[in-house]
């Protein structure tokens, strides 16, 4: 009968609608699970990014400290080299003045009666007659 066919058609439509509803429910469940997984991954990524940022800050600070230490060491080294150069120059100048003084004393000593005494004093005190050329080698 027509009513039986209509009932059967309604039953088939109802089954199809229930089947589609079940599939939609499953798809929604999959979407929600995927969204949850993505949110969890996003949280993990944010945490990892924060850790990497903190590590980068630590490494940057260490690098800056190392640069400051290196610069301070370079400045100290430059100062030490300058000081050493200045000391060497002062030593050379003092040696030249010492040689000149010895020569003057020797000249004065040979002009005086006690010239031998002055020369023996210079020899005894370790003031030998070194030349300016000896000083350049020092």
C-alpha atoms as a PDB file:
ATOM      1  CA  UNK A   1       0.000   0.000   0.000  1.00  0.00           C
ATOM      2  CA  UNK A   2       0.901   3.617  -0.336  1.00  0.00           C
ATOM      3  CA  UNK A   3       1.074   4.119   3.357  1.00  0.00           C
ATOM      4  CA  UNK A   4       3.440   1.161   3.758  1.00  0.00           C
ATOM      5  CA  UNK A   5       5.657   2.519   1.028  1.00  0.00           C
ATOM      6  CA  UNK A   6       5.622   5.964   2.629  1.00  0.00           C
ATOM      7  CA  UNK A   7       6.423   4.412   6.004  1.00  0.00           C
ATOM      8  CA  UNK A   8       9.234   2.403   4.445  1.00  0.00           C
ATOM      9  CA  UNK A   9      10.540   5.493   2.722  1.00  0.00           C
ATOM     10  CA  UNK A  10      10.424   7.440   5.991  1.00  0.00           C
ATOM     11  CA  UNK A  11      12.215   4.595   7.763  1.00  0.00           C
ATOM     12  CA  UNK A  12      14.947   4.582   5.086  1.00  0.00           C
ATOM     13  CA  UNK A  13      15.245   8.375   5.325  1.00  0.00           C
ATOM     14  CA  UNK A  14      15.423   8.109   9.127  1.00  0.00           C
ATOM     15  CA  UNK A  15      18.146   5.440   8.912  1.00  0.00           C
ATOM     16  CA  UNK A  16      20.088   7.570   6.443  1.00  0.00           C
ATOM     17  CA  UNK A  17      19.690  10.643   8.688  1.00  0.00           C
ATOM     18  CA  UNK A  18      20.800   8.631  11.749  1.00  0.00           C
ATOM     19  CA  UNK A  19      23.758   7.297   9.783  1.00  0.00           C
ATOM     20  CA  UNK A  20      24.719  10.837   8.715  1.00  0.00           C
ATOM     21  CA  UNK A  21      24.241  12.059  12.300  1.00  0.00           C
ATOM     22  CA  UNK A  22      26.514   9.263  13.555  1.00  0.00           C
ATOM     23  CA  UNK A  23      29.134  10.140  10.940  1.00  0.00           C
ATOM     24  CA  UNK A  24      28.837  13.845  11.806  1.00  0.00           C
ATOM     25  CA  UNK A  25      29.196  12.966  15.506  1.00  0.00           C
ATOM     26  CA  UNK A  26      32.306  10.918  14.728  1.00  0.00           C
ATOM     27  CA  UNK A  27      33.740  13.762  12.601  1.00  0.00           C
ATOM     28  CA  UNK A  28      33.000  16.266  15.373  1.00  0.00           C
ATOM     29  CA  UNK A  29      34.709  13.969  17.889  1.00  0.00           C
ATOM     30  CA  UNK A  30      37.752  13.690  15.584  1.00  0.00           C
ATOM     31  CA  UNK A  31      37.823  17.477  15.120  1.00  0.00           C
ATOM     32  CA  UNK A  32      37.599  18.050  18.885  1.00  0.00           C
ATOM     33  CA  UNK A  33      40.354  15.488  19.537  1.00  0.00           C
ATOM     34  CA  UNK A  34      42.542  17.103  16.860  1.00  0.00           C
ATOM     35  CA  UNK A  35      41.848  20.554  18.335  1.00  0.00           C
ATOM     36  CA  UNK A  36      42.851  19.252  21.775  1.00  0.00           C
ATOM     37  CA  UNK A  37      46.038  17.754  20.328  1.00  0.00           C
ATOM     38  CA  UNK A  38      46.865  21.031  18.579  1.00  0.00           C
ATOM     39  CA  UNK A  39      46.260  23.037  21.761  1.00  0.00           C
ATOM     40  CA  UNK A  40      48.521  20.673  23.677  1.00  0.00           C
ATOM     41  CA  UNK A  41      51.190  20.977  20.988  1.00  0.00           C
ATOM     42  CA  UNK A  42      50.801  24.757  21.052  1.00  0.00           C
ATOM     43  CA  UNK A  43      51.372  24.760  24.828  1.00  0.00           C
ATOM     44  CA  UNK A  44      54.446  22.558  24.449  1.00  0.00           C
ATOM     45  CA  UNK A  45      55.787  24.770  21.659  1.00  0.00           C
ATOM     46  CA  UNK A  46      55.220  27.904  23.764  1.00  0.00           C
ATOM     47  CA  UNK A  47      57.009  26.297  26.712  1.00  0.00           C
ATOM     48  CA  UNK A  48      59.900  25.201  24.484  1.00  0.00           C
ATOM     49  CA  UNK A  49      60.076  28.658  22.914  1.00  0.00           C
ATOM     50  CA  UNK A  50      60.204  30.262  26.378  1.00  0.00           C
ATOM     51  CA  UNK A  51      63.012  27.889  27.419  1.00  0.00           C
ATOM     52  CA  UNK A  52      64.940  28.685  24.244  1.00  0.00           C
ATOM     53  CA  UNK A  53      64.412  32.414  24.808  1.00  0.00           C
ATOM     54  CA  UNK A  54      65.741  32.135  28.368  1.00  0.00           C
ATOM     55  CA  UNK A  55      68.717  30.109  27.133  1.00  0.00           C
ATOM     56  CA  UNK A  56      69.375  32.722  24.459  1.00  0.00           C
ATOM     57  CA  UNK A  57      69.302  35.466  27.099  1.00  0.00           C
ATOM     58  CA  UNK A  58      71.722  33.468  29.272  1.00  0.00           C
ATOM     59  CA  UNK A  59      74.094  32.840  26.366  1.00  0.00           C
ATOM     60  CA  UNK A  60      73.874  36.492  25.294  1.00  0.00           C
ATOM     61  CA  UNK A  61      74.692  37.653  28.825  1.00  0.00           C
ATOM     62  CA  UNK A  62      77.610  35.206  28.984  1.00  0.00           C
ATOM     63  CA  UNK A  63      78.859  36.453  25.618  1.00  0.00           C
ATOM     64  CA  UNK A  64      78.665  40.070  26.773  1.00  0.00           C
ATOM     65  CA  UNK A  65      80.542  39.174  29.961  1.00  0.00           C
ATOM     66  CA  UNK A  66      83.180  37.366  27.919  1.00  0.00           C
ATOM     67  CA  UNK A  67      83.532  40.374  25.623  1.00  0.00           C
ATOM     68  CA  UNK A  68      83.894  42.704  28.623  1.00  0.00           C
ATOM     69  CA  UNK A  69      86.493  40.383  30.154  1.00  0.00           C
ATOM     70  CA  UNK A  70      88.340  40.144  26.852  1.00  0.00           C
ATOM     71  CA  UNK A  71      88.287  43.933  26.443  1.00  0.00           C
ATOM     72  CA  UNK A  72      89.538  44.435  30.008  1.00  0.00           C
ATOM     73  CA  UNK A  73      92.313  41.909  29.400  1.00  0.00           C
ATOM     74  CA  UNK A  74      93.244  43.649  26.146  1.00  0.00           C
ATOM     75  CA  UNK A  75      93.341  47.025  27.885  1.00  0.00           C
ATOM     76  CA  UNK A  76      95.531  45.574  30.668  1.00  0.00           C
ATOM     77  CA  UNK A  77      97.799  43.979  28.071  1.00  0.00           C
ATOM     78  CA  UNK A  78      98.043  47.244  26.129  1.00  0.00           C
ATOM     79  CA  UNK A  79      98.837  49.088  29.362  1.00  0.00           C
ATOM     80  CA  UNK A  80     101.436  46.474  30.331  1.00  0.00           C
ATOM     81  CA  UNK A  81     103.047  46.697  26.895  1.00  0.00           C
ATOM     82  CA  UNK A  82     103.045  50.496  27.056  1.00  0.00           C
ATOM     83  CA  UNK A  83     104.447  50.413  30.575  1.00  0.00           C
ATOM     84  CA  UNK A  84     107.074  47.880  29.534  1.00  0.00           C
ATOM     85  CA  UNK A  85     108.030  50.013  26.538  1.00  0.00           C
ATOM     86  CA  UNK A  86     108.215  53.101  28.731  1.00  0.00           C
ATOM     87  CA  UNK A  87     110.320  51.254  31.297  1.00  0.00           C
ATOM     88  CA  UNK A  88     112.659  49.957  28.595  1.00  0.00           C
ATOM     89  CA  UNK A  89     113.011  53.468  27.166  1.00  0.00           C
ATOM     90  CA  UNK A  90     113.697  54.897  30.637  1.00  0.00           C
ATOM     91  CA  UNK A  91     116.257  52.159  31.261  1.00  0.00           C
ATOM     92  CA  UNK A  92     118.015  52.883  27.973  1.00  0.00           C
ATOM     93  CA  UNK A  93     118.002  56.605  28.767  1.00  0.00           C
ATOM     94  CA  UNK A  94     119.379  55.952  32.261  1.00  0.00           C
ATOM     95  CA  UNK A  95     122.117  53.724  30.850  1.00  0.00           C
ATOM     96  CA  UNK A  96     123.096  56.392  28.318  1.00  0.00           C
ATOM     97  CA  UNK A  97     123.193  59.020  31.083  1.00  0.00           C
ATOM     98  CA  UNK A  98     125.256  56.653  33.230  1.00  0.00           C
ATOM     99  CA  UNK A  99     127.777  56.128  30.441  1.00  0.00           C
ATOM    100  CA  UNK A 100     128.007  59.868  29.842  1.00  0.00           C
ATOM    101  CA  UNK A 101     128.506  60.474  33.562  1.00  0.00           C
ATOM    102  CA  UNK A 102     131.226  57.810  33.699  1.00  0.00           C
ATOM    103  CA  UNK A 103     132.965  59.392  30.750  1.00  0.00           C
ATOM    104  CA  UNK A 104     132.786  62.811  32.426  1.00  0.00           C
ATOM    105  CA  UNK A 105     134.047  61.365  35.694  1.00  0.00           C
ATOM    106  CA  UNK A 106     136.841  59.592  33.862  1.00  0.00           C
ATOM    107  CA  UNK A 107     137.742  62.798  32.052  1.00  0.00           C
ATOM    108  CA  UNK A 108     137.634  64.727  35.319  1.00  0.00           C
ATOM    109  CA  UNK A 109     139.654  62.015  37.035  1.00  0.00           C
ATOM    110  CA  UNK A 110     142.376  62.008  34.451  1.00  0.00           C
ATOM    111  CA  UNK A 111     142.601  65.809  34.732  1.00  0.00           C
ATOM    112  CA  UNK A 112     142.879  65.622  38.509  1.00  0.00           C
ATOM    113  CA  UNK A 113     145.675  64.181  40.549  1.00  0.00           C
ATOM    114  CA  UNK A 114     143.368  61.473  41.914  1.00  0.00           C
ATOM    115  CA  UNK A 115     142.255  60.246  38.532  1.00  0.00           C
ATOM    116  CA  UNK A 116     143.384  56.729  39.299  1.00  0.00           C
ATOM    117  CA  UNK A 117     141.240  56.759  42.463  1.00  0.00           C
ATOM    118  CA  UNK A 118     138.115  57.764  40.499  1.00  0.00           C
ATOM    119  CA  UNK A 119     138.810  55.089  37.883  1.00  0.00           C
ATOM    120  CA  UNK A 120     139.367  52.415  40.545  1.00  0.00           C
ATOM    121  CA  UNK A 121     136.152  53.520  42.295  1.00  0.00           C
ATOM    122  CA  UNK A 122     134.213  53.174  39.027  1.00  0.00           C
ATOM    123  CA  UNK A 123     135.726  49.748  38.393  1.00  0.00           C
ATOM    124  CA  UNK A 124     135.044  48.564  41.951  1.00  0.00           C
ATOM    125  CA  UNK A 125     131.424  49.732  41.911  1.00  0.00           C
ATOM    126  CA  UNK A 126     130.742  47.834  38.694  1.00  0.00           C
ATOM    127  CA  UNK A 127     130.684  50.883  36.466  1.00  0.00           C
ATOM    128  CA  UNK A 128     132.822  49.605  33.682  1.00  0.00           C
ATOM    129  CA  UNK A 129     133.318  51.669  30.614  1.00  0.00           C
ATOM    130  CA  UNK A 130     130.447  50.287  28.534  1.00  0.00           C
ATOM    131  CA  UNK A 131     129.621  52.066  25.345  1.00  0.00           C
ATOM    132  CA  UNK A 132     126.297  53.366  23.987  1.00  0.00           C
ATOM    133  CA  UNK A 133     126.313  50.458  21.508  1.00  0.00           C
ATOM    134  CA  UNK A 134     126.197  48.022  24.458  1.00  0.00           C
ATOM    135  CA  UNK A 135     123.072  49.766  25.713  1.00  0.00           C
ATOM    136  CA  UNK A 136     121.174  49.332  22.437  1.00  0.00           C
ATOM    137  CA  UNK A 137     121.678  45.569  22.699  1.00  0.00           C
ATOM    138  CA  UNK A 138     120.255  45.484  26.243  1.00  0.00           C
END
